[in-house]
Amino acid sequence: MKKLMICVLLLVTMACFAGCGSSIKVGSFKSKYYDYEEYQAAVDQVMDYFTGFEGCEMSEIHYAGDDAVKAEAETRGMDVDQVMVLKCTFTTDGENHKNGLEPDYTYEDFGWTLTRVFKDDMWTVEDHGYC
């Protein structure tokens, strides 16, 4: 049942992005800590959070890698399966941004740290920006 719900959520998310004319590239994924569904759930959480970045357009998002996750988990005192680190590229429009982002600028390797308490929990965006 859980896999069916994840598949439905994935299809709805893909349909929304396709319908919005979005061309966000989701990078390939390989990890010894997570499966693809966990990765996709983290990407979905970041994409949902990113809707609050007015005047910004994301072009790419990808997994930062097991080494980045291990380092972040150690810093936070958490197990590696409780932390996910993603990176993205996005561009701001020419407006002044209330959140301190530079206008007309492309941010590359912008980091996203997500956490969860248990393996079956939803990911929560805990931090974002440059490390």
C-alpha atoms as a PDB file:
ATOM      1  CA  MET A   1       0.000   0.000   0.000  1.00  0.00           C
ATOM      2  CA  LYS A   2       2.827   2.400   0.910  1.00  0.00           C
ATOM      3  CA  LYS A   3       4.567   1.807  -2.438  1.00  0.00           C
ATOM      4  CA  LEU A   4       1.291   2.413  -4.271  1.00  0.00           C
ATOM      5  CA  MET A   5       0.821   5.732  -2.472  1.00  0.00           C
ATOM      6  CA  ILE A   6       4.417   6.752  -3.259  1.00  0.00           C
ATOM      7  CA  CYS A   7       3.867   5.881  -6.936  1.00  0.00           C
ATOM      8  CA  VAL A   8       0.653   7.914  -7.015  1.00  0.00           C
ATOM      9  CA  LEU A   9       2.383  10.864  -5.324  1.00  0.00           C
ATOM     10  CA  LEU A  10       5.255  10.626  -7.797  1.00  0.00           C
ATOM     11  CA  LEU A  11       2.874  10.573 -10.773  1.00  0.00           C
ATOM     12  CA  VAL A  12       0.906  13.545  -9.440  1.00  0.00           C
ATOM     13  CA  THR A  13       4.124  15.488  -8.828  1.00  0.00           C
ATOM     14  CA  MET A  14       5.405  14.687 -12.319  1.00  0.00           C
ATOM     15  CA  ALA A  15       2.070  15.675 -13.848  1.00  0.00           C
ATOM     16  CA  CYS A  16       2.114  18.987 -11.998  1.00  0.00           C
ATOM     17  CA  PHE A  17       5.636  19.796 -13.148  1.00  0.00           C
ATOM     18  CA  ALA A  18       4.785  18.780 -16.713  1.00  0.00           C
ATOM     19  CA  GLY A  19       1.605  20.849 -16.645  1.00  0.00           C
ATOM     20  CA  CYS A  20       3.459  23.884 -15.305  1.00  0.00           C
ATOM     21  CA  GLY A  21       5.985  23.712 -18.123  1.00  0.00           C
ATOM     22  CA  SER A  22       8.736  23.070 -15.623  1.00  0.00           C
ATOM     23  CA  SER A  23      12.030  21.667 -16.811  1.00  0.00           C
ATOM     24  CA  ILE A  24      13.622  20.748 -13.504  1.00  0.00           C
ATOM     25  CA  LYS A  25      16.292  18.122 -13.929  1.00  0.00           C
ATOM     26  CA  VAL A  26      16.335  15.594 -11.098  1.00  0.00           C
ATOM     27  CA  GLY A  27      19.806  14.093 -10.912  1.00  0.00           C
ATOM     28  CA  SER A  28      20.586  10.419 -10.860  1.00  0.00           C
ATOM     29  CA  PHE A  29      20.676   8.688  -7.519  1.00  0.00           C
ATOM     30  CA  LYS A  30      22.892   6.073  -5.906  1.00  0.00           C
ATOM     31  CA  SER A  31      23.256   5.536  -2.161  1.00  0.00           C
ATOM     32  CA  LYS A  32      24.028   2.810   0.317  1.00  0.00           C
ATOM     33  CA  TYR A  33      21.793   4.555   2.885  1.00  0.00           C
ATOM     34  CA  TYR A  34      18.523   5.161   1.006  1.00  0.00           C
ATOM     35  CA  ASP A  35      16.323   3.672  -1.669  1.00  0.00           C
ATOM     36  CA  TYR A  36      14.923   5.647  -4.597  1.00  0.00           C
ATOM     37  CA  GLU A  37      11.551   6.227  -2.919  1.00  0.00           C
ATOM     38  CA  GLU A  38      13.246   7.893   0.057  1.00  0.00           C
ATOM     39  CA  TYR A  39      15.244  10.088  -2.319  1.00  0.00           C
ATOM     40  CA  GLN A  40      12.170  11.054  -4.309  1.00  0.00           C
ATOM     41  CA  ALA A  41      10.269  11.877  -1.110  1.00  0.00           C
ATOM     42  CA  ALA A  42      13.106  14.221  -0.072  1.00  0.00           C
ATOM     43  CA  VAL A  43      13.113  15.868  -3.514  1.00  0.00           C
ATOM     44  CA  ASP A  44       9.347  16.352  -3.254  1.00  0.00           C
ATOM     45  CA  GLN A  45       9.716  18.027   0.159  1.00  0.00           C
ATOM     46  CA  VAL A  46      12.348  20.427  -1.177  1.00  0.00           C
ATOM     47  CA  MET A  47      10.230  21.211  -4.243  1.00  0.00           C
ATOM     48  CA  ASP A  48       7.262  21.959  -2.001  1.00  0.00           C
ATOM     49  CA  TYR A  49       9.386  24.183   0.259  1.00  0.00           C
ATOM     50  CA  PHE A  50      10.920  25.925  -2.764  1.00  0.00           C
ATOM     51  CA  THR A  51       7.515  27.221  -3.870  1.00  0.00           C
ATOM     52  CA  GLY A  52       8.009  29.837  -1.138  1.00  0.00           C
ATOM     53  CA  PHE A  53      11.071  31.204  -2.978  1.00  0.00           C
ATOM     54  CA  GLU A  54       9.132  33.815  -4.959  1.00  0.00           C
ATOM     55  CA  GLY A  55      10.788  34.957  -8.172  1.00  0.00           C
ATOM     56  CA  CYS A  56      13.085  31.936  -8.270  1.00  0.00           C
ATOM     57  CA  GLU A  57      13.207  29.114 -10.807  1.00  0.00           C
ATOM     58  CA  MET A  58      14.925  25.847 -10.017  1.00  0.00           C
ATOM     59  CA  SER A  59      16.669  24.108 -12.901  1.00  0.00           C
ATOM     60  CA  GLU A  60      18.314  21.119 -11.202  1.00  0.00           C
ATOM     61  CA  ILE A  61      18.250  19.142  -7.976  1.00  0.00           C
ATOM     62  CA  HIS A  62      20.379  16.148  -7.005  1.00  0.00           C
ATOM     63  CA  TYR A  63      21.638  13.994  -4.136  1.00  0.00           C
ATOM     64  CA  ALA A  64      24.782  15.445  -2.526  1.00  0.00           C
ATOM     65  CA  GLY A  65      26.239  11.981  -1.945  1.00  0.00           C
ATOM     66  CA  ASP A  66      26.786   9.552   0.896  1.00  0.00           C
ATOM     67  CA  ASP A  67      29.910  11.387   2.127  1.00  0.00           C
ATOM     68  CA  ALA A  68      27.943  14.640   2.538  1.00  0.00           C
ATOM     69  CA  VAL A  69      25.172  12.786   4.354  1.00  0.00           C
ATOM     70  CA  LYS A  70      27.602  11.028   6.678  1.00  0.00           C
ATOM     71  CA  ALA A  71      29.325  14.318   7.565  1.00  0.00           C
ATOM     72  CA  GLU A  72      26.003  16.105   8.164  1.00  0.00           C
ATOM     73  CA  ALA A  73      24.695  13.233  10.290  1.00  0.00           C
ATOM     74  CA  GLU A  74      27.846  13.301  12.423  1.00  0.00           C
ATOM     75  CA  THR A  75      27.560  17.082  12.852  1.00  0.00           C
ATOM     76  CA  ARG A  76      23.944  16.748  13.963  1.00  0.00           C
ATOM     77  CA  GLY A  77      24.551  13.672  16.135  1.00  0.00           C
ATOM     78  CA  MET A  78      22.072  11.625  14.085  1.00  0.00           C
ATOM     79  CA  ASP A  79      22.141   8.306  12.252  1.00  0.00           C
ATOM     80  CA  VAL A  80      22.831   8.511   8.511  1.00  0.00           C
ATOM     81  CA  ASP A  81      19.363   7.206   7.650  1.00  0.00           C
ATOM     82  CA  GLN A  82      17.849  10.208   9.494  1.00  0.00           C
ATOM     83  CA  VAL A  83      19.550  12.873   7.346  1.00  0.00           C
ATOM     84  CA  MET A  84      19.360  13.601   3.604  1.00  0.00           C
ATOM     85  CA  VAL A  85      21.416  16.245   1.819  1.00  0.00           C
ATOM     86  CA  LEU A  86      20.407  17.559  -1.597  1.00  0.00           C
ATOM     87  CA  LYS A  87      21.950  20.240  -3.813  1.00  0.00           C
ATOM     88  CA  CYS A  88      20.202  22.393  -6.383  1.00  0.00           C
ATOM     89  CA  THR A  89      20.715  25.091  -8.973  1.00  0.00           C
ATOM     90  CA  PHE A  90      18.246  27.951  -9.267  1.00  0.00           C
ATOM     91  CA  THR A  91      18.035  31.441 -10.732  1.00  0.00           C
ATOM     92  CA  THR A  92      16.442  34.537  -9.255  1.00  0.00           C
ATOM     93  CA  ASP A  93      14.542  37.137 -11.243  1.00  0.00           C
ATOM     94  CA  GLY A  94      15.497  40.822 -11.367  1.00  0.00           C
ATOM     95  CA  GLU A  95      13.458  41.816  -8.324  1.00  0.00           C
ATOM     96  CA  ASN A  96      14.797  42.508  -4.848  1.00  0.00           C
ATOM     97  CA  HIS A  97      14.136  39.428  -2.751  1.00  0.00           C
ATOM     98  CA  LYS A  98      12.871  39.672   0.824  1.00  0.00           C
ATOM     99  CA  ASN A  99      14.806  36.539   1.743  1.00  0.00           C
ATOM    100  CA  GLY A 100      18.183  38.143   0.971  1.00  0.00           C
ATOM    101  CA  LEU A 101      18.816  36.421  -2.353  1.00  0.00           C
ATOM    102  CA  GLU A 102      20.656  38.383  -5.030  1.00  0.00           C
ATOM    103  CA  PRO A 103      18.550  39.525  -8.013  1.00  0.00           C
ATOM    104  CA  ASP A 104      19.430  38.113 -11.448  1.00  0.00           C
ATOM    105  CA  TYR A 105      21.745  35.515  -9.962  1.00  0.00           C
ATOM    106  CA  THR A 106      22.216  31.772 -10.452  1.00  0.00           C
ATOM    107  CA  TYR A 107      22.842  29.816  -7.270  1.00  0.00           C
ATOM    108  CA  GLU A 108      24.705  26.543  -7.816  1.00  0.00           C
ATOM    109  CA  ASP A 109      25.212  23.752  -5.281  1.00  0.00           C
ATOM    110  CA  PHE A 110      22.693  25.387  -2.952  1.00  0.00           C
ATOM    111  CA  GLY A 111      22.306  22.866  -0.140  1.00  0.00           C
ATOM    112  CA  TRP A 112      19.218  21.385   1.475  1.00  0.00           C
ATOM    113  CA  THR A 113      19.370  19.372   4.697  1.00  0.00           C
ATOM    114  CA  LEU A 114      16.362  17.220   5.515  1.00  0.00           C
ATOM    115  CA  THR A 115      15.829  15.104   8.606  1.00  0.00           C
ATOM    116  CA  ARG A 116      13.424  12.539   9.996  1.00  0.00           C
ATOM    117  CA  VAL A 117      13.169  10.608  13.253  1.00  0.00           C
ATOM    118  CA  PHE A 118      12.167   7.186  11.896  1.00  0.00           C
ATOM    119  CA  LYS A 119      12.670   5.561   8.502  1.00  0.00           C
ATOM    120  CA  ASP A 120       8.957   5.714   7.652  1.00  0.00           C
ATOM    121  CA  ASP A 121       8.592   9.396   8.652  1.00  0.00           C
ATOM    122  CA  MET A 122       8.270  12.171   6.101  1.00  0.00           C
ATOM    123  CA  TRP A 123      11.360  14.258   5.488  1.00  0.00           C
ATOM    124  CA  THR A 124      11.417  17.751   6.992  1.00  0.00           C
ATOM    125  CA  VAL A 125      13.510  20.583   5.559  1.00  0.00           C
ATOM    126  CA  GLU A 126      15.758  21.633   8.449  1.00  0.00           C
ATOM    127  CA  ASP A 127      18.226  23.916   6.716  1.00  0.00           C
ATOM    128  CA  HIS A 128      19.141  25.357   3.328  1.00  0.00           C
ATOM    129  CA  GLY A 129      21.850  27.542   1.835  1.00  0.00           C
ATOM    130  CA  TYR A 130      25.585  27.251   1.451  1.00  0.00           C
ATOM    131  CA  CYS A 131      27.712  25.359   3.946  1.00  0.00           C
END
